[in-house]
Amino acid sequence: MTSEHPDAPKQFGIRISDEVMELVSAIQAARKINNQPITLAAVVEDSIKCHYNRLLKEGAIPNDTTNQPN
């Protein structure tokens, strides 16, 4: 997936280690099986939502309903 498109992170102007790119590729493979979008942007967006929700659950950030992801 991502390994097939080595310039994908460059499109976003970010640097991602080879180790993280391997993780992204594994996530993309699982998402492909479940018919979910496999773009790097989709993986990053969902990852941010998951991290945000985890921080909310832990109480690390306030429960502000105006800033919660969909």
PDB file of N, CA and C in Angstrom:
ATOM      1  N   MET A   1       0.833  -1.171   0.000  1.00  0.00           N
ATOM      2  CA  MET A   1       0.000   0.000   0.000  1.00  0.00           C
ATOM      3  C   MET A   1       0.891   1.254   0.000  1.00  0.00           C
ATOM      4  N   THR A   2       1.196   1.737   1.218  1.00  0.00           N
ATOM      5  CA  THR A   2       2.019   2.935   1.298  1.00  0.00           C
ATOM      6  C   THR A   2       3.384   2.671   0.703  1.00  0.00           C
ATOM      7  N   SER A   3       3.876   1.464   0.906  1.00  0.00           N
ATOM      8  CA  SER A   3       5.184   1.126   0.347  1.00  0.00           C
ATOM      9  C   SER A   3       5.163   1.169  -1.178  1.00  0.00           C
ATOM     10  N   GLU A   4       3.984   0.989  -1.752  1.00  0.00           N
ATOM     11  CA  GLU A   4       3.841   1.067  -3.199  1.00  0.00           C
ATOM     12  C   GLU A   4       3.821   2.516  -3.677  1.00  0.00           C
ATOM     13  N   HIS A   5       3.612   3.436  -2.753  1.00  0.00           N
ATOM     14  CA  HIS A   5       3.549   4.857  -3.068  1.00  0.00           C
ATOM     15  C   HIS A   5       4.473   5.623  -2.133  1.00  0.00           C
ATOM     16  N   PRO A   6       5.801   5.482  -2.322  1.00  0.00           N
ATOM     17  CA  PRO A   6       6.747   6.080  -1.381  1.00  0.00           C
ATOM     18  C   PRO A   6       6.684   7.601  -1.299  1.00  0.00           C
ATOM     19  N   ASP A   7       6.086   8.258  -2.277  1.00  0.00           N
ATOM     20  CA  ASP A   7       5.992   9.712  -2.244  1.00  0.00           C
ATOM     21  C   ASP A   7       4.746  10.211  -1.533  1.00  0.00           C
ATOM     22  N   ALA A   8       3.877   9.307  -1.075  1.00  0.00           N
ATOM     23  CA  ALA A   8       2.630   9.726  -0.433  1.00  0.00           C
ATOM     24  C   ALA A   8       2.846  10.708   0.710  1.00  0.00           C
ATOM     25  N   PRO A   9       3.759  10.445   1.661  1.00  0.00           N
ATOM     26  CA  PRO A   9       3.945  11.414   2.750  1.00  0.00           C
ATOM     27  C   PRO A   9       4.457  12.764   2.252  1.00  0.00           C
ATOM     28  N   LYS A  10       5.196  12.759   1.165  1.00  0.00           N
ATOM     29  CA  LYS A  10       5.729  14.016   0.632  1.00  0.00           C
ATOM     30  C   LYS A  10       4.613  14.929   0.150  1.00  0.00           C
ATOM     31  N   GLN A  11       3.498  14.341  -0.270  1.00  0.00           N
ATOM     32  CA  GLN A  11       2.366  15.134  -0.725  1.00  0.00           C
ATOM     33  C   GLN A  11       1.819  15.992   0.409  1.00  0.00           C
ATOM     34  N   PHE A  12       2.010  15.548   1.632  1.00  0.00           N
ATOM     35  CA  PHE A  12       1.514  16.276   2.794  1.00  0.00           C
ATOM     36  C   PHE A  12       2.612  17.107   3.453  1.00  0.00           C
ATOM     37  N   GLY A  13       3.816  17.033   2.917  1.00  0.00           N
ATOM     38  CA  GLY A  13       4.915  17.802   3.472  1.00  0.00           C
ATOM     39  C   GLY A  13       5.352  17.305   4.841  1.00  0.00           C
ATOM     40  N   ILE A  14       5.235  16.013   5.088  1.00  0.00           N
ATOM     41  CA  ILE A  14       5.632  15.451   6.375  1.00  0.00           C
ATOM     42  C   ILE A  14       6.668  14.359   6.160  1.00  0.00           C
ATOM     43  N   ARG A  15       7.398  14.075   7.214  1.00  0.00           N
ATOM     44  CA  ARG A  15       8.370  12.983   7.164  1.00  0.00           C
ATOM     45  C   ARG A  15       7.880  11.886   8.098  1.00  0.00           C
ATOM     46  N   ILE A  16       7.835  10.689   7.583  1.00  0.00           N
ATOM     47  CA  ILE A  16       7.380   9.546   8.363  1.00  0.00           C
ATOM     48  C   ILE A  16       8.471   8.481   8.267  1.00  0.00           C
ATOM     49  N   SER A  17       8.846   7.946   9.421  1.00  0.00           N
ATOM     50  CA  SER A  17       9.897   6.929   9.445  1.00  0.00           C
ATOM     51  C   SER A  17       9.431   5.664   8.732  1.00  0.00           C
ATOM     52  N   ASP A  18      10.406   4.869   8.319  1.00  0.00           N
ATOM     53  CA  ASP A  18      10.080   3.599   7.667  1.00  0.00           C
ATOM     54  C   ASP A  18       9.273   2.699   8.599  1.00  0.00           C
ATOM     55  N   GLU A  19       9.598   2.734   9.894  1.00  0.00           N
ATOM     56  CA  GLU A  19       8.880   1.923  10.876  1.00  0.00           C
ATOM     57  C   GLU A  19       7.397   2.305  10.925  1.00  0.00           C
ATOM     58  N   VAL A  20       7.124   3.600  10.942  1.00  0.00           N
ATOM     59  CA  VAL A  20       5.733   4.064  10.981  1.00  0.00           C
ATOM     60  C   VAL A  20       5.042   3.768   9.654  1.00  0.00           C
ATOM     61  N   MET A  21       5.751   3.886   8.556  1.00  0.00           N
ATOM     62  CA  MET A  21       5.157   3.583   7.252  1.00  0.00           C
ATOM     63  C   MET A  21       4.751   2.113   7.177  1.00  0.00           C
ATOM     64  N   GLU A  22       5.511   1.229   7.837  1.00  0.00           N
ATOM     65  CA  GLU A  22       5.125  -0.182   7.886  1.00  0.00           C
ATOM     66  C   GLU A  22       3.820  -0.341   8.659  1.00  0.00           C
ATOM     67  N   LEU A  23       3.668   0.425   9.748  1.00  0.00           N
ATOM     68  CA  LEU A  23       2.422   0.387  10.523  1.00  0.00           C
ATOM     69  C   LEU A  23       1.258   0.882   9.675  1.00  0.00           C
ATOM     70  N   VAL A  24       1.490   1.959   8.931  1.00  0.00           N
ATOM     71  CA  VAL A  24       0.456   2.516   8.059  1.00  0.00           C
ATOM     72  C   VAL A  24       0.046   1.475   7.020  1.00  0.00           C
ATOM     73  N   SER A  25       1.014   0.799   6.458  1.00  0.00           N
ATOM     74  CA  SER A  25       0.708  -0.228   5.450  1.00  0.00           C
ATOM     75  C   SER A  25      -0.148  -1.344   6.043  1.00  0.00           C
ATOM     76  N   ALA A  26       0.151  -1.750   7.287  1.00  0.00           N
ATOM     77  CA  ALA A  26      -0.643  -2.787   7.943  1.00  0.00           C
ATOM     78  C   ALA A  26      -2.067  -2.295   8.185  1.00  0.00           C
ATOM     79  N   ILE A  27      -2.205  -1.035   8.608  1.00  0.00           N
ATOM     80  CA  ILE A  27      -3.531  -0.452   8.824  1.00  0.00           C
ATOM     81  C   ILE A  27      -4.292  -0.387   7.505  1.00  0.00           C
ATOM     82  N   GLN A  28      -3.603   0.024   6.433  1.00  0.00           N
ATOM     83  CA  GLN A  28      -4.250   0.109   5.129  1.00  0.00           C
ATOM     84  C   GLN A  28      -4.735  -1.256   4.662  1.00  0.00           C
ATOM     85  N   ALA A  29      -3.953  -2.294   4.907  1.00  0.00           N
ATOM     86  CA  ALA A  29      -4.354  -3.643   4.492  1.00  0.00           C
ATOM     87  C   ALA A  29      -5.636  -4.066   5.220  1.00  0.00           C
ATOM     88  N   ALA A  30      -5.706  -3.772   6.520  1.00  0.00           N
ATOM     89  CA  ALA A  30      -6.907  -4.112   7.289  1.00  0.00           C
ATOM     90  C   ALA A  30      -8.098  -3.289   6.816  1.00  0.00           C
ATOM     91  N   ARG A  31      -7.875  -2.006   6.523  1.00  0.00           N
ATOM     92  CA  ARG A  31      -8.956  -1.142   6.062  1.00  0.00           C
ATOM     93  C   ARG A  31      -9.468  -1.597   4.693  1.00  0.00           C
ATOM     94  N   LYS A  32      -8.566  -2.078   3.850  1.00  0.00           N
ATOM     95  CA  LYS A  32      -8.961  -2.535   2.516  1.00  0.00           C
ATOM     96  C   LYS A  32      -9.917  -3.724   2.621  1.00  0.00           C
ATOM     97  N   ILE A  33      -9.624  -4.632   3.549  1.00  0.00           N
ATOM     98  CA  ILE A  33     -10.487  -5.810   3.759  1.00  0.00           C
ATOM     99  C   ILE A  33     -11.882  -5.373   4.187  1.00  0.00           C
ATOM    100  N   ASN A  34     -11.957  -4.300   4.979  1.00  0.00           N
ATOM    101  CA  ASN A  34     -13.239  -3.801   5.496  1.00  0.00           C
ATOM    102  C   ASN A  34     -13.863  -2.727   4.614  1.00  0.00           C
ATOM    103  N   ASN A  35     -13.333  -2.569   3.405  1.00  0.00           N
ATOM    104  CA  ASN A  35     -13.842  -1.582   2.446  1.00  0.00           C
ATOM    105  C   ASN A  35     -13.861  -0.156   3.000  1.00  0.00           C
ATOM    106  N   GLN A  36     -12.817   0.191   3.744  1.00  0.00           N
ATOM    107  CA  GLN A  36     -12.661   1.549   4.251  1.00  0.00           C
ATOM    108  C   GLN A  36     -11.620   2.253   3.396  1.00  0.00           C
ATOM    109  N   PRO A  37     -11.649   3.582   3.354  1.00  0.00           N
ATOM    110  CA  PRO A  37     -10.645   4.315   2.586  1.00  0.00           C
ATOM    111  C   PRO A  37      -9.232   3.982   3.077  1.00  0.00           C
ATOM    112  N   ILE A  38      -8.294   3.815   2.142  1.00  0.00           N
ATOM    113  CA  ILE A  38      -6.929   3.439   2.514  1.00  0.00           C
ATOM    114  C   ILE A  38      -5.918   4.559   2.301  1.00  0.00           C
ATOM    115  N   THR A  39      -6.386   5.747   1.984  1.00  0.00           N
ATOM    116  CA  THR A  39      -5.438   6.841   1.771  1.00  0.00           C
ATOM    117  C   THR A  39      -4.745   7.195   3.082  1.00  0.00           C
ATOM    118  N   LEU A  40      -3.551   7.755   2.963  1.00  0.00           N
ATOM    119  CA  LEU A  40      -2.819   8.192   4.146  1.00  0.00           C
ATOM    120  C   LEU A  40      -3.640   9.214   4.917  1.00  0.00           C
ATOM    121  N   ALA A  41      -4.322  10.096   4.216  1.00  0.00           N
ATOM    122  CA  ALA A  41      -5.149  11.111   4.876  1.00  0.00           C
ATOM    123  C   ALA A  41      -6.254  10.455   5.712  1.00  0.00           C
ATOM    124  N   ALA A  42      -6.891   9.414   5.188  1.00  0.00           N
ATOM    125  CA  ALA A  42      -7.957   8.732   5.924  1.00  0.00           C
ATOM    126  C   ALA A  42      -7.412   8.049   7.163  1.00  0.00           C
ATOM    127  N   VAL A  43      -6.242   7.427   7.044  1.00  0.00           N
ATOM    128  CA  VAL A  43      -5.623   6.762   8.189  1.00  0.00           C
ATOM    129  C   VAL A  43      -5.253   7.785   9.258  1.00  0.00           C
ATOM    130  N   VAL A  44      -4.669   8.895   8.850  1.00  0.00           N
ATOM    131  CA  VAL A  44      -4.276   9.941   9.797  1.00  0.00           C
ATOM    132  C   VAL A  44      -5.510  10.538  10.469  1.00  0.00           C
ATOM    133  N   GLU A  45      -6.536  10.821   9.697  1.00  0.00           N
ATOM    134  CA  GLU A  45      -7.758  11.411  10.249  1.00  0.00           C
ATOM    135  C   GLU A  45      -8.380  10.496  11.312  1.00  0.00           C
ATOM    136  N   ASP A  46      -8.510   9.218  10.995  1.00  0.00           N
ATOM    137  CA  ASP A  46      -9.077   8.274  11.957  1.00  0.00           C
ATOM    138  C   ASP A  46      -8.175   8.101  13.177  1.00  0.00           C
ATOM    139  N   SER A  47      -6.874   8.122  12.966  1.00  0.00           N
ATOM    140  CA  SER A  47      -5.935   7.997  14.076  1.00  0.00           C
ATOM    141  C   SER A  47      -6.048   9.178  15.024  1.00  0.00           C
ATOM    142  N   ILE A  48      -6.199  10.367  14.478  1.00  0.00           N
ATOM    143  CA  ILE A  48      -6.359  11.557  15.311  1.00  0.00           C
ATOM    144  C   ILE A  48      -7.654  11.470  16.105  1.00  0.00           C
ATOM    145  N   LYS A  49      -8.734  11.029  15.465  1.00  0.00           N
ATOM    146  CA  LYS A  49     -10.010  10.872  16.178  1.00  0.00           C
ATOM    147  C   LYS A  49      -9.877   9.864  17.310  1.00  0.00           C
ATOM    148  N   CYS A  50      -9.214   8.739  17.055  1.00  0.00           N
ATOM    149  CA  CYS A  50      -9.025   7.715  18.090  1.00  0.00           C
ATOM    150  C   CYS A  50      -8.199   8.262  19.248  1.00  0.00           C
ATOM    151  N   HIS A  51      -7.127   8.973  18.935  1.00  0.00           N
ATOM    152  CA  HIS A  51      -6.266   9.539  19.969  1.00  0.00           C
ATOM    153  C   HIS A  51      -7.027  10.590  20.773  1.00  0.00           C
ATOM    154  N   TYR A  52      -7.783  11.432  20.096  1.00  0.00           N
ATOM    155  CA  TYR A  52      -8.585  12.458  20.764  1.00  0.00           C
ATOM    156  C   TYR A  52      -9.576  11.801  21.732  1.00  0.00           C
ATOM    157  N   ASN A  53     -10.290  10.777  21.254  1.00  0.00           N
ATOM    158  CA  ASN A  53     -11.267  10.088  22.098  1.00  0.00           C
ATOM    159  C   ASN A  53     -10.611   9.410  23.291  1.00  0.00           C
ATOM    160  N   ARG A  54      -9.406   8.859  23.091  1.00  0.00           N
ATOM    161  CA  ARG A  54      -8.684   8.242  24.208  1.00  0.00           C
ATOM    162  C   ARG A  54      -8.313   9.290  25.249  1.00  0.00           C
ATOM    163  N   LEU A  55      -7.821  10.450  24.790  1.00  0.00           N
ATOM    164  CA  LEU A  55      -7.468  11.526  25.715  1.00  0.00           C
ATOM    165  C   LEU A  55      -8.692  12.036  26.465  1.00  0.00           C
ATOM    166  N   LEU A  56      -9.823  12.107  25.775  1.00  0.00           N
ATOM    167  CA  LEU A  56     -11.077  12.498  26.426  1.00  0.00           C
ATOM    168  C   LEU A  56     -11.436  11.506  27.530  1.00  0.00           C
ATOM    169  N   LYS A  57     -11.380  10.227  27.191  1.00  0.00           N
ATOM    170  CA  LYS A  57     -11.740   9.169  28.133  1.00  0.00           C
ATOM    171  C   LYS A  57     -10.832   9.190  29.361  1.00  0.00           C
ATOM    172  N   GLU A  58      -9.558   9.495  29.143  1.00  0.00           N
ATOM    173  CA  GLU A  58      -8.589   9.544  30.243  1.00  0.00           C
ATOM    174  C   GLU A  58      -8.718  10.827  31.061  1.00  0.00           C
ATOM    175  N   GLY A  59      -9.475  11.793  30.545  1.00  0.00           N
ATOM    176  CA  GLY A  59      -9.614  13.067  31.240  1.00  0.00           C
ATOM    177  C   GLY A  59      -8.451  14.007  30.996  1.00  0.00           C
ATOM    178  N   ALA A  60      -7.624  13.696  30.022  1.00  0.00           N
ATOM    179  CA  ALA A  60      -6.457  14.527  29.720  1.00  0.00           C
ATOM    180  C   ALA A  60      -6.857  15.837  29.038  1.00  0.00           C
ATOM    181  N   ILE A  61      -8.005  15.834  28.394  1.00  0.00           N
ATOM    182  CA  ILE A  61      -8.538  17.045  27.776  1.00  0.00           C
ATOM    183  C   ILE A  61      -9.994  17.192  28.197  1.00  0.00           C
ATOM    184  N   PRO A  62     -10.486  18.419  28.268  1.00  0.00           N
ATOM    185  CA  PRO A  62     -11.872  18.618  28.720  1.00  0.00           C
ATOM    186  C   PRO A  62     -12.884  18.108  27.701  1.00  0.00           C
ATOM    187  N   ASN A  63     -14.044  17.737  28.181  1.00  0.00           N
ATOM    188  CA  ASN A  63     -15.118  17.246  27.317  1.00  0.00           C
ATOM    189  C   ASN A  63     -15.876  18.446  26.757  1.00  0.00           C
ATOM    190  N   ASP A  64     -15.329  19.011  25.703  1.00  0.00           N
ATOM    191  CA  ASP A  64     -15.915  20.179  25.030  1.00  0.00           C
ATOM    192  C   ASP A  64     -16.639  19.685  23.785  1.00  0.00           C
ATOM    193  N   THR A  65     -17.966  19.674  23.819  1.00  0.00           N
ATOM    194  CA  THR A  65     -18.750  19.107  22.726  1.00  0.00           C
ATOM    195  C   THR A  65     -18.590  19.870  21.411  1.00  0.00           C
ATOM    196  N   THR A  66     -18.087  21.093  21.444  1.00  0.00           N
ATOM    197  CA  THR A  66     -17.918  21.854  20.204  1.00  0.00           C
ATOM    198  C   THR A  66     -16.687  21.405  19.432  1.00  0.00           C
ATOM    199  N   ASN A  67     -15.758  20.672  20.064  1.00  0.00           N
ATOM    200  CA  ASN A  67     -14.526  20.270  19.401  1.00  0.00           C
ATOM    201  C   ASN A  67     -14.422  18.771  19.169  1.00  0.00           C
ATOM    202  N   GLN A  68     -15.460  18.014  19.443  1.00  0.00           N
ATOM    203  CA  GLN A  68     -15.366  16.569  19.302  1.00  0.00           C
ATOM    204  C   GLN A  68     -15.473  16.161  17.837  1.00  0.00           C
ATOM    205  N   PRO A  69     -14.667  15.154  17.471  1.00  0.00           N
ATOM    206  CA  PRO A  69     -14.736  14.663  16.083  1.00  0.00           C
ATOM    207  C   PRO A  69     -16.046  13.943  15.826  1.00  0.00           C
ATOM    208  N   ASN A  70     -16.388  13.814  14.547  1.00  0.00           N
ATOM    209  CA  ASN A  70     -17.623  13.118  14.158  1.00  0.00           C
ATOM    210  C   ASN A  70     -17.514  11.654  14.411  1.00  0.00           C
TER     211      ASN A  70
END
